[in-house]
């Protein structure tokens, strides 16, 4: 599985704490394939893919823990969407 990722959230632009999760935005063609991969690796996930604020389908997000670390993987289906996340992260990082 080939994927492009952007690390975002307080781990990037701070201030991160011991309770902070790790937010990863990932451009994937098939969120179900990523879900199957995580399940094969026996990573217990929670999935959120409900409607967005304006009723459109929003990005699928997987939440899970590995030990004490908390992860959020936000799956986007286009490079444009990934680039928006990257731009916003950079903008907040400079603030």
PDB file of N, CA and C in Angstrom:
ATOM      1  N   UNK A   1       0.849  -1.174   0.000  1.00  0.00           N
ATOM      2  CA  UNK A   1       0.000   0.000   0.000  1.00  0.00           C
ATOM      3  C   UNK A   1       0.895   1.239   0.000  1.00  0.00           C
ATOM      4  N   UNK A   2       0.739   2.086  -1.012  1.00  0.00           N
ATOM      5  CA  UNK A   2       1.497   3.327  -1.114  1.00  0.00           C
ATOM      6  C   UNK A   2       0.646   4.451  -0.549  1.00  0.00           C
ATOM      7  N   UNK A   3       1.261   5.305   0.280  1.00  0.00           N
ATOM      8  CA  UNK A   3       0.499   6.406   0.862  1.00  0.00           C
ATOM      9  C   UNK A   3       1.392   7.614   1.061  1.00  0.00           C
ATOM     10  N   UNK A   4       0.790   8.796   0.964  1.00  0.00           N
ATOM     11  CA  UNK A   4       1.452  10.039   1.300  1.00  0.00           C
ATOM     12  C   UNK A   4       0.853  10.491   2.628  1.00  0.00           C
ATOM     13  N   UNK A   5       1.698  11.036   3.518  1.00  0.00           N
ATOM     14  CA  UNK A   5       1.178  11.434   4.825  1.00  0.00           C
ATOM     15  C   UNK A   5       1.630  12.842   5.197  1.00  0.00           C
ATOM     16  N   UNK A   6       0.858  13.442   6.101  1.00  0.00           N
ATOM     17  CA  UNK A   6       1.193  14.716   6.725  1.00  0.00           C
ATOM     18  C   UNK A   6       0.971  14.534   8.216  1.00  0.00           C
ATOM     19  N   UNK A   7       1.975  14.867   9.004  1.00  0.00           N
ATOM     20  CA  UNK A   7       1.839  14.868  10.451  1.00  0.00           C
ATOM     21  C   UNK A   7       1.295  16.222  10.846  1.00  0.00           C
ATOM     22  N   UNK A   8       0.265  16.244  11.687  1.00  0.00           N
ATOM     23  CA  UNK A   8      -0.368  17.502  12.063  1.00  0.00           C
ATOM     24  C   UNK A   8      -0.731  17.466  13.548  1.00  0.00           C
ATOM     25  N   UNK A   9      -1.317  18.511  14.030  1.00  0.00           N
ATOM     26  CA  UNK A   9      -1.742  18.565  15.429  1.00  0.00           C
ATOM     27  C   UNK A   9      -0.642  19.058  16.354  1.00  0.00           C
ATOM     28  N   UNK A  10      -0.884  18.936  17.637  1.00  0.00           N
ATOM     29  CA  UNK A  10       0.029  19.505  18.631  1.00  0.00           C
ATOM     30  C   UNK A  10       1.420  18.874  18.606  1.00  0.00           C
ATOM     31  N   UNK A  11       1.550  17.668  18.083  1.00  0.00           N
ATOM     32  CA  UNK A  11       2.880  17.070  17.963  1.00  0.00           C
ATOM     33  C   UNK A  11       3.750  17.869  16.989  1.00  0.00           C
ATOM     34  N   UNK A  12       3.121  18.594  16.073  1.00  0.00           N
ATOM     35  CA  UNK A  12       3.845  19.387  15.087  1.00  0.00           C
ATOM     36  C   UNK A  12       3.958  20.838  15.533  1.00  0.00           C
ATOM     37  N   UNK A  13       2.810  21.449  15.879  1.00  0.00           N
ATOM     38  CA  UNK A  13       2.839  22.879  16.166  1.00  0.00           C
ATOM     39  C   UNK A  13       2.688  23.212  17.637  1.00  0.00           C
ATOM     40  N   UNK A  14       2.594  22.200  18.494  1.00  0.00           N
ATOM     41  CA  UNK A  14       2.641  22.358  19.933  1.00  0.00           C
ATOM     42  C   UNK A  14       1.494  23.166  20.510  1.00  0.00           C
ATOM     43  N   UNK A  15       1.459  23.222  21.792  1.00  0.00           N
ATOM     44  CA  UNK A  15       2.358  22.489  22.684  1.00  0.00           C
ATOM     45  C   UNK A  15       1.834  21.078  22.941  1.00  0.00           C
ATOM     46  N   UNK A  16       2.619  20.075  22.632  1.00  0.00           N
ATOM     47  CA  UNK A  16       2.238  18.681  22.879  1.00  0.00           C
ATOM     48  C   UNK A  16       2.458  18.357  24.356  1.00  0.00           C
ATOM     49  N   UNK A  17       1.582  17.513  24.877  1.00  0.00           N
ATOM     50  CA  UNK A  17       1.713  17.048  26.256  1.00  0.00           C
ATOM     51  C   UNK A  17       1.794  15.529  26.237  1.00  0.00           C
ATOM     52  N   UNK A  18       1.948  14.931  27.398  1.00  0.00           N
ATOM     53  CA  UNK A  18       1.964  13.468  27.488  1.00  0.00           C
ATOM     54  C   UNK A  18       0.634  12.869  27.046  1.00  0.00           C
ATOM     55  N   UNK A  19      -0.439  13.646  27.112  1.00  0.00           N
ATOM     56  CA  UNK A  19      -1.765  13.171  26.721  1.00  0.00           C
ATOM     57  C   UNK A  19      -2.074  13.407  25.238  1.00  0.00           C
ATOM     58  N   UNK A  20      -1.205  14.142  24.552  1.00  0.00           N
ATOM     59  CA  UNK A  20      -1.466  14.478  23.146  1.00  0.00           C
ATOM     60  C   UNK A  20      -1.448  13.236  22.267  1.00  0.00           C
ATOM     61  N   UNK A  21      -2.375  13.224  21.305  1.00  0.00           N
ATOM     62  CA  UNK A  21      -2.383  12.130  20.345  1.00  0.00           C
ATOM     63  C   UNK A  21      -1.507  12.491  19.153  1.00  0.00           C
ATOM     64  N   UNK A  22      -1.293  11.521  18.298  1.00  0.00           N
ATOM     65  CA  UNK A  22      -0.497  11.704  17.090  1.00  0.00           C
ATOM     66  C   UNK A  22      -1.476  11.711  15.923  1.00  0.00           C
ATOM     67  N   UNK A  23      -1.551  12.842  15.242  1.00  0.00           N
ATOM     68  CA  UNK A  23      -2.503  13.014  14.147  1.00  0.00           C
ATOM     69  C   UNK A  23      -1.784  12.866  12.814  1.00  0.00           C
ATOM     70  N   UNK A  24      -2.226  11.900  12.036  1.00  0.00           N
ATOM     71  CA  UNK A  24      -1.634  11.629  10.732  1.00  0.00           C
ATOM     72  C   UNK A  24      -2.730  11.747   9.681  1.00  0.00           C
ATOM     73  N   UNK A  25      -2.491  12.607   8.688  1.00  0.00           N
ATOM     74  CA  UNK A  25      -3.406  12.706   7.547  1.00  0.00           C
ATOM     75  C   UNK A  25      -2.764  11.892   6.425  1.00  0.00           C
ATOM     76  N   UNK A  26      -3.532  10.982   5.862  1.00  0.00           N
ATOM     77  CA  UNK A  26      -2.982  10.044   4.891  1.00  0.00           C
ATOM     78  C   UNK A  26      -3.824  10.035   3.619  1.00  0.00           C
ATOM     79  N   UNK A  27      -3.145  10.228   2.481  1.00  0.00           N
ATOM     80  CA  UNK A  27      -3.830  10.106   1.191  1.00  0.00           C
ATOM     81  C   UNK A  27      -3.814   8.636   0.806  1.00  0.00           C
ATOM     82  N   UNK A  28      -4.976   8.029   0.834  1.00  0.00           N
ATOM     83  CA  UNK A  28      -5.104   6.618   0.455  1.00  0.00           C
ATOM     84  C   UNK A  28      -6.254   6.477  -0.529  1.00  0.00           C
ATOM     85  N   UNK A  29      -6.081   5.597  -1.476  1.00  0.00           N
ATOM     86  CA  UNK A  29      -7.142   5.331  -2.448  1.00  0.00           C
ATOM     87  C   UNK A  29      -8.275   4.521  -1.822  1.00  0.00           C
ATOM     88  N   UNK A  30      -7.925   3.702  -0.817  1.00  0.00           N
ATOM     89  CA  UNK A  30      -8.883   2.739  -0.273  1.00  0.00           C
ATOM     90  C   UNK A  30      -8.785   2.692   1.252  1.00  0.00           C
ATOM     91  N   UNK A  31      -9.634   3.453   1.931  1.00  0.00           N
ATOM     92  CA  UNK A  31      -9.630   3.455   3.395  1.00  0.00           C
ATOM     93  C   UNK A  31      -9.967   2.069   3.945  1.00  0.00           C
ATOM     94  N   UNK A  32     -10.782   1.322   3.231  1.00  0.00           N
ATOM     95  CA  UNK A  32     -11.133  -0.030   3.683  1.00  0.00           C
ATOM     96  C   UNK A  32      -9.903  -0.939   3.677  1.00  0.00           C
ATOM     97  N   UNK A  33      -9.006  -0.744   2.719  1.00  0.00           N
ATOM     98  CA  UNK A  33      -7.764  -1.509   2.681  1.00  0.00           C
ATOM     99  C   UNK A  33      -6.891  -1.207   3.884  1.00  0.00           C
ATOM    100  N   UNK A  34      -6.825   0.069   4.277  1.00  0.00           N
ATOM    101  CA  UNK A  34      -6.069   0.455   5.473  1.00  0.00           C
ATOM    102  C   UNK A  34      -6.709  -0.155   6.716  1.00  0.00           C
ATOM    103  N   UNK A  35      -8.024  -0.123   6.772  1.00  0.00           N
ATOM    104  CA  UNK A  35      -8.738  -0.720   7.899  1.00  0.00           C
ATOM    105  C   UNK A  35      -8.416  -2.211   8.000  1.00  0.00           C
ATOM    106  N   UNK A  36      -8.441  -2.917   6.882  1.00  0.00           N
ATOM    107  CA  UNK A  36      -8.141  -4.348   6.877  1.00  0.00           C
ATOM    108  C   UNK A  36      -6.708  -4.599   7.343  1.00  0.00           C
ATOM    109  N   UNK A  37      -5.764  -3.754   6.896  1.00  0.00           N
ATOM    110  CA  UNK A  37      -4.368  -3.880   7.314  1.00  0.00           C
ATOM    111  C   UNK A  37      -4.249  -3.724   8.829  1.00  0.00           C
ATOM    112  N   UNK A  38      -4.879  -2.702   9.386  1.00  0.00           N
ATOM    113  CA  UNK A  38      -4.818  -2.481  10.837  1.00  0.00           C
ATOM    114  C   UNK A  38      -5.430  -3.655  11.601  1.00  0.00           C
ATOM    115  N   UNK A  39      -6.519  -4.193  11.073  1.00  0.00           N
ATOM    116  CA  UNK A  39      -7.165  -5.334  11.727  1.00  0.00           C
ATOM    117  C   UNK A  39      -6.294  -6.585  11.654  1.00  0.00           C
ATOM    118  N   UNK A  40      -5.625  -6.806  10.527  1.00  0.00           N
ATOM    119  CA  UNK A  40      -4.712  -7.951  10.397  1.00  0.00           C
ATOM    120  C   UNK A  40      -3.593  -7.848  11.422  1.00  0.00           C
ATOM    121  N   UNK A  41      -3.123  -6.627  11.663  1.00  0.00           N
ATOM    122  CA  UNK A  41      -2.056  -6.394  12.645  1.00  0.00           C
ATOM    123  C   UNK A  41      -2.596  -6.418  14.076  1.00  0.00           C
ATOM    124  N   UNK A  42      -3.883  -6.738  14.205  1.00  0.00           N
ATOM    125  CA  UNK A  42      -4.567  -6.834  15.504  1.00  0.00           C
ATOM    126  C   UNK A  42      -4.539  -5.527  16.291  1.00  0.00           C
ATOM    127  N   UNK A  43      -4.662  -4.429  15.545  1.00  0.00           N
ATOM    128  CA  UNK A  43      -4.750  -3.114  16.169  1.00  0.00           C
ATOM    129  C   UNK A  43      -6.232  -2.795  16.307  1.00  0.00           C
ATOM    130  N   UNK A  44      -6.683  -2.672  17.537  1.00  0.00           N
ATOM    131  CA  UNK A  44      -8.091  -2.362  17.788  1.00  0.00           C
ATOM    132  C   UNK A  44      -8.386  -0.927  17.391  1.00  0.00           C
ATOM    133  N   UNK A  45      -9.276  -0.739  16.434  1.00  0.00           N
ATOM    134  CA  UNK A  45      -9.560   0.599  15.935  1.00  0.00           C
ATOM    135  C   UNK A  45     -11.002   0.986  16.184  1.00  0.00           C
ATOM    136  N   UNK A  46     -11.216   2.285  16.267  1.00  0.00           N
ATOM    137  CA  UNK A  46     -12.548   2.874  16.226  1.00  0.00           C
ATOM    138  C   UNK A  46     -12.590   3.684  14.941  1.00  0.00           C
ATOM    139  N   UNK A  47     -13.699   3.618  14.238  1.00  0.00           N
ATOM    140  CA  UNK A  47     -13.807   4.278  12.938  1.00  0.00           C
ATOM    141  C   UNK A  47     -14.897   5.334  12.981  1.00  0.00           C
ATOM    142  N   UNK A  48     -14.630   6.474  12.343  1.00  0.00           N
ATOM    143  CA  UNK A  48     -15.620   7.541  12.219  1.00  0.00           C
ATOM    144  C   UNK A  48     -15.664   7.950  10.760  1.00  0.00           C
ATOM    145  N   UNK A  49     -16.804   7.770  10.115  1.00  0.00           N
ATOM    146  CA  UNK A  49     -16.946   8.221   8.728  1.00  0.00           C
ATOM    147  C   UNK A  49     -18.337   8.777   8.479  1.00  0.00           C
ATOM    148  N   UNK A  50     -18.865   9.444   9.501  1.00  0.00           N
ATOM    149  CA  UNK A  50     -20.189  10.051   9.396  1.00  0.00           C
ATOM    150  C   UNK A  50     -20.186  11.262   8.493  1.00  0.00           C
ATOM    151  N   UNK A  51     -21.338  11.886   8.334  1.00  0.00           N
ATOM    152  CA  UNK A  51     -21.436  13.049   7.451  1.00  0.00           C
ATOM    153  C   UNK A  51     -20.700  14.259   8.021  1.00  0.00           C
ATOM    154  N   UNK A  52     -20.169  15.077   7.131  1.00  0.00           N
ATOM    155  CA  UNK A  52     -19.510  16.311   7.545  1.00  0.00           C
ATOM    156  C   UNK A  52     -20.536  17.351   7.957  1.00  0.00           C
ATOM    157  N   UNK A  53     -20.064  18.532   8.286  1.00  0.00           N
ATOM    158  CA  UNK A  53     -20.933  19.605   8.774  1.00  0.00           C
ATOM    159  C   UNK A  53     -22.022  19.980   7.784  1.00  0.00           C
ATOM    160  N   UNK A  54     -21.719  19.947   6.496  1.00  0.00           N
ATOM    161  CA  UNK A  54     -22.715  20.349   5.501  1.00  0.00           C
ATOM    162  C   UNK A  54     -23.386  19.153   4.832  1.00  0.00           C
ATOM    163  N   UNK A  55     -23.271  17.974   5.440  1.00  0.00           N
ATOM    164  CA  UNK A  55     -23.961  16.802   4.936  1.00  0.00           C
ATOM    165  C   UNK A  55     -23.171  15.948   3.971  1.00  0.00           C
ATOM    166  N   UNK A  56     -22.038  16.454   3.462  1.00  0.00           N
ATOM    167  CA  UNK A  56     -21.240  15.655   2.543  1.00  0.00           C
ATOM    168  C   UNK A  56     -20.500  14.564   3.326  1.00  0.00           C
ATOM    169  N   UNK A  57     -20.054  13.537   2.614  1.00  0.00           N
ATOM    170  CA  UNK A  57     -19.276  12.493   3.281  1.00  0.00           C
ATOM    171  C   UNK A  57     -17.949  13.090   3.695  1.00  0.00           C
ATOM    172  N   UNK A  58     -17.624  12.935   4.946  1.00  0.00           N
ATOM    173  CA  UNK A  58     -16.335  13.468   5.377  1.00  0.00           C
ATOM    174  C   UNK A  58     -15.282  12.376   5.318  1.00  0.00           C
ATOM    175  N   UNK A  59     -14.072  12.738   5.640  1.00  0.00           N
ATOM    176  CA  UNK A  59     -12.968  11.790   5.593  1.00  0.00           C
ATOM    177  C   UNK A  59     -13.141  10.706   6.649  1.00  0.00           C
ATOM    178  N   UNK A  60     -12.724   9.502   6.328  1.00  0.00           N
ATOM    179  CA  UNK A  60     -12.735   8.410   7.299  1.00  0.00           C
ATOM    180  C   UNK A  60     -11.570   8.609   8.254  1.00  0.00           C
ATOM    181  N   UNK A  61     -11.831   8.475   9.547  1.00  0.00           N
ATOM    182  CA  UNK A  61     -10.790   8.598  10.559  1.00  0.00           C
ATOM    183  C   UNK A  61     -10.757   7.328  11.393  1.00  0.00           C
ATOM    184  N   UNK A  62      -9.547   6.816  11.608  1.00  0.00           N
ATOM    185  CA  UNK A  62      -9.338   5.654  12.466  1.00  0.00           C
ATOM    186  C   UNK A  62      -8.622   6.114  13.725  1.00  0.00           C
ATOM    187  N   UNK A  63      -9.128   5.683  14.872  1.00  0.00           N
ATOM    188  CA  UNK A  63      -8.536   6.006  16.163  1.00  0.00           C
ATOM    189  C   UNK A  63      -8.042   4.707  16.778  1.00  0.00           C
ATOM    190  N   UNK A  64      -6.816   4.726  17.328  1.00  0.00           N
ATOM    191  CA  UNK A  64      -6.314   3.533  18.003  1.00  0.00           C
ATOM    192  C   UNK A  64      -5.170   3.897  18.925  1.00  0.00           C
ATOM    193  N   UNK A  65      -4.805   2.937  19.762  1.00  0.00           N
ATOM    194  CA  UNK A  65      -3.688   3.090  20.690  1.00  0.00           C
ATOM    195  C   UNK A  65      -2.668   1.998  20.443  1.00  0.00           C
ATOM    196  N   UNK A  66      -1.426   2.354  20.639  1.00  0.00           N
ATOM    197  CA  UNK A  66      -0.357   1.369  20.718  1.00  0.00           C
ATOM    198  C   UNK A  66       0.372   1.707  22.009  1.00  0.00           C
ATOM    199  N   UNK A  67       0.191   0.865  22.998  1.00  0.00           N
ATOM    200  CA  UNK A  67       0.711   1.178  24.330  1.00  0.00           C
ATOM    201  C   UNK A  67       0.041   2.431  24.846  1.00  0.00           C
ATOM    202  N   UNK A  68       0.824   3.392  25.271  1.00  0.00           N
ATOM    203  CA  UNK A  68       0.281   4.654  25.780  1.00  0.00           C
ATOM    204  C   UNK A  68       0.057   5.693  24.684  1.00  0.00           C
ATOM    205  N   UNK A  69       0.526   5.404  23.473  1.00  0.00           N
ATOM    206  CA  UNK A  69       0.408   6.364  22.380  1.00  0.00           C
ATOM    207  C   UNK A  69      -0.966   6.278  21.726  1.00  0.00           C
ATOM    208  N   UNK A  70      -1.576   7.435  21.505  1.00  0.00           N
ATOM    209  CA  UNK A  70      -2.878   7.520  20.846  1.00  0.00           C
ATOM    210  C   UNK A  70      -2.689   8.075  19.440  1.00  0.00           C
ATOM    211  N   UNK A  71      -3.289   7.402  18.464  1.00  0.00           N
ATOM    212  CA  UNK A  71      -3.156   7.796  17.064  1.00  0.00           C
ATOM    213  C   UNK A  71      -4.520   8.114  16.457  1.00  0.00           C
ATOM    214  N   UNK A  72      -4.529   9.098  15.576  1.00  0.00           N
ATOM    215  CA  UNK A  72      -5.674   9.393  14.719  1.00  0.00           C
ATOM    216  C   UNK A  72      -5.147   9.376  13.293  1.00  0.00           C
ATOM    217  N   UNK A  73      -5.702   8.518  12.462  1.00  0.00           N
ATOM    218  CA  UNK A  73      -5.342   8.531  11.044  1.00  0.00           C
ATOM    219  C   UNK A  73      -6.553   9.041  10.273  1.00  0.00           C
ATOM    220  N   UNK A  74      -6.374  10.195   9.644  1.00  0.00           N
ATOM    221  CA  UNK A  74      -7.434  10.823   8.865  1.00  0.00           C
ATOM    222  C   UNK A  74      -7.154  10.487   7.406  1.00  0.00           C
ATOM    223  N   UNK A  75      -8.046   9.737   6.790  1.00  0.00           N
ATOM    224  CA  UNK A  75      -7.861   9.289   5.406  1.00  0.00           C
ATOM    225  C   UNK A  75      -8.517  10.288   4.455  1.00  0.00           C
ATOM    226  N   UNK A  76      -7.725  10.824   3.544  1.00  0.00           N
ATOM    227  CA  UNK A  76      -8.259  11.708   2.509  1.00  0.00           C
ATOM    228  C   UNK A  76      -8.099  11.010   1.163  1.00  0.00           C
ATOM    229  N   UNK A  77      -8.982  11.337   0.227  1.00  0.00           N
ATOM    230  CA  UNK A  77      -8.970  10.596  -1.039  1.00  0.00           C
ATOM    231  C   UNK A  77      -8.403  11.382  -2.212  1.00  0.00           C
ATOM    232  N   UNK A  78      -7.722  12.506  -1.926  1.00  0.00           N
ATOM    233  CA  UNK A  78      -7.097  13.245  -3.027  1.00  0.00           C
ATOM    234  C   UNK A  78      -5.845  13.958  -2.533  1.00  0.00           C
ATOM    235  N   UNK A  79      -4.921  14.181  -3.472  1.00  0.00           N
ATOM    236  CA  UNK A  79      -3.713  14.939  -3.136  1.00  0.00           C
ATOM    237  C   UNK A  79      -4.071  16.372  -2.781  1.00  0.00           C
ATOM    238  N   UNK A  80      -5.106  16.909  -3.418  1.00  0.00           N
ATOM    239  CA  UNK A  80      -5.546  18.274  -3.130  1.00  0.00           C
ATOM    240  C   UNK A  80      -5.945  18.399  -1.655  1.00  0.00           C
ATOM    241  N   UNK A  81      -6.722  17.442  -1.172  1.00  0.00           N
ATOM    242  CA  UNK A  81      -7.150  17.460   0.235  1.00  0.00           C
ATOM    243  C   UNK A  81      -5.939  17.333   1.167  1.00  0.00           C
ATOM    244  N   UNK A  82      -5.008  16.466   0.821  1.00  0.00           N
ATOM    245  CA  UNK A  82      -3.791  16.312   1.626  1.00  0.00           C
ATOM    246  C   UNK A  82      -2.996  17.617   1.641  1.00  0.00           C
ATOM    247  N   UNK A  83      -2.900  18.265   0.486  1.00  0.00           N
ATOM    248  CA  UNK A  83      -2.183  19.529   0.404  1.00  0.00           C
ATOM    249  C   UNK A  83      -2.843  20.613   1.248  1.00  0.00           C
ATOM    250  N   UNK A  84      -4.170  20.601   1.334  1.00  0.00           N
ATOM    251  CA  UNK A  84      -4.878  21.560   2.196  1.00  0.00           C
ATOM    252  C   UNK A  84      -4.488  21.355   3.656  1.00  0.00           C
ATOM    253  N   UNK A  85      -4.429  20.097   4.091  1.00  0.00           N
ATOM    254  CA  UNK A  85      -4.021  19.798   5.466  1.00  0.00           C
ATOM    255  C   UNK A  85      -2.580  20.259   5.707  1.00  0.00           C
ATOM    256  N   UNK A  86      -1.716  19.979   4.734  1.00  0.00           N
ATOM    257  CA  UNK A  86      -0.312  20.361   4.883  1.00  0.00           C
ATOM    258  C   UNK A  86      -0.173  21.880   4.978  1.00  0.00           C
ATOM    259  N   UNK A  87      -0.870  22.602   4.122  1.00  0.00           N
ATOM    260  CA  UNK A  87      -0.833  24.065   4.127  1.00  0.00           C
ATOM    261  C   UNK A  87      -1.344  24.612   5.469  1.00  0.00           C
ATOM    262  N   UNK A  88      -2.471  24.093   5.940  1.00  0.00           N
ATOM    263  CA  UNK A  88      -3.032  24.566   7.201  1.00  0.00           C
ATOM    264  C   UNK A  88      -2.092  24.283   8.371  1.00  0.00           C
ATOM    265  N   UNK A  89      -1.458  23.111   8.362  1.00  0.00           N
ATOM    266  CA  UNK A  89      -0.512  22.756   9.435  1.00  0.00           C
ATOM    267  C   UNK A  89       0.668  23.717   9.433  1.00  0.00           C
ATOM    268  N   UNK A  90       1.208  23.995   8.260  1.00  0.00           N
ATOM    269  CA  UNK A  90       2.332  24.933   8.165  1.00  0.00           C
ATOM    270  C   UNK A  90       1.926  26.321   8.640  1.00  0.00           C
ATOM    271  N   UNK A  91       0.734  26.731   8.283  1.00  0.00           N
ATOM    272  CA  UNK A  91       0.244  28.065   8.662  1.00  0.00           C
ATOM    273  C   UNK A  91       0.122  28.168  10.188  1.00  0.00           C
ATOM    274  N   UNK A  92      -0.436  27.157  10.823  1.00  0.00           N
ATOM    275  CA  UNK A  92      -0.598  27.168  12.277  1.00  0.00           C
ATOM    276  C   UNK A  92       0.775  27.053  12.954  1.00  0.00           C
ATOM    277  N   UNK A  93       1.689  26.305  12.369  1.00  0.00           N
ATOM    278  CA  UNK A  93       3.024  26.142  12.940  1.00  0.00           C
ATOM    279  C   UNK A  93       3.777  27.462  13.020  1.00  0.00           C
ATOM    280  N   UNK A  94       3.514  28.349  12.077  1.00  0.00           N
ATOM    281  CA  UNK A  94       4.199  29.638  12.047  1.00  0.00           C
ATOM    282  C   UNK A  94       3.542  30.671  12.941  1.00  0.00           C
ATOM    283  N   UNK A  95       2.322  30.424  13.368  1.00  0.00           N
ATOM    284  CA  UNK A  95       1.573  31.410  14.169  1.00  0.00           C
ATOM    285  C   UNK A  95       2.171  31.603  15.538  1.00  0.00           C
TER     286      UNK A  95
END
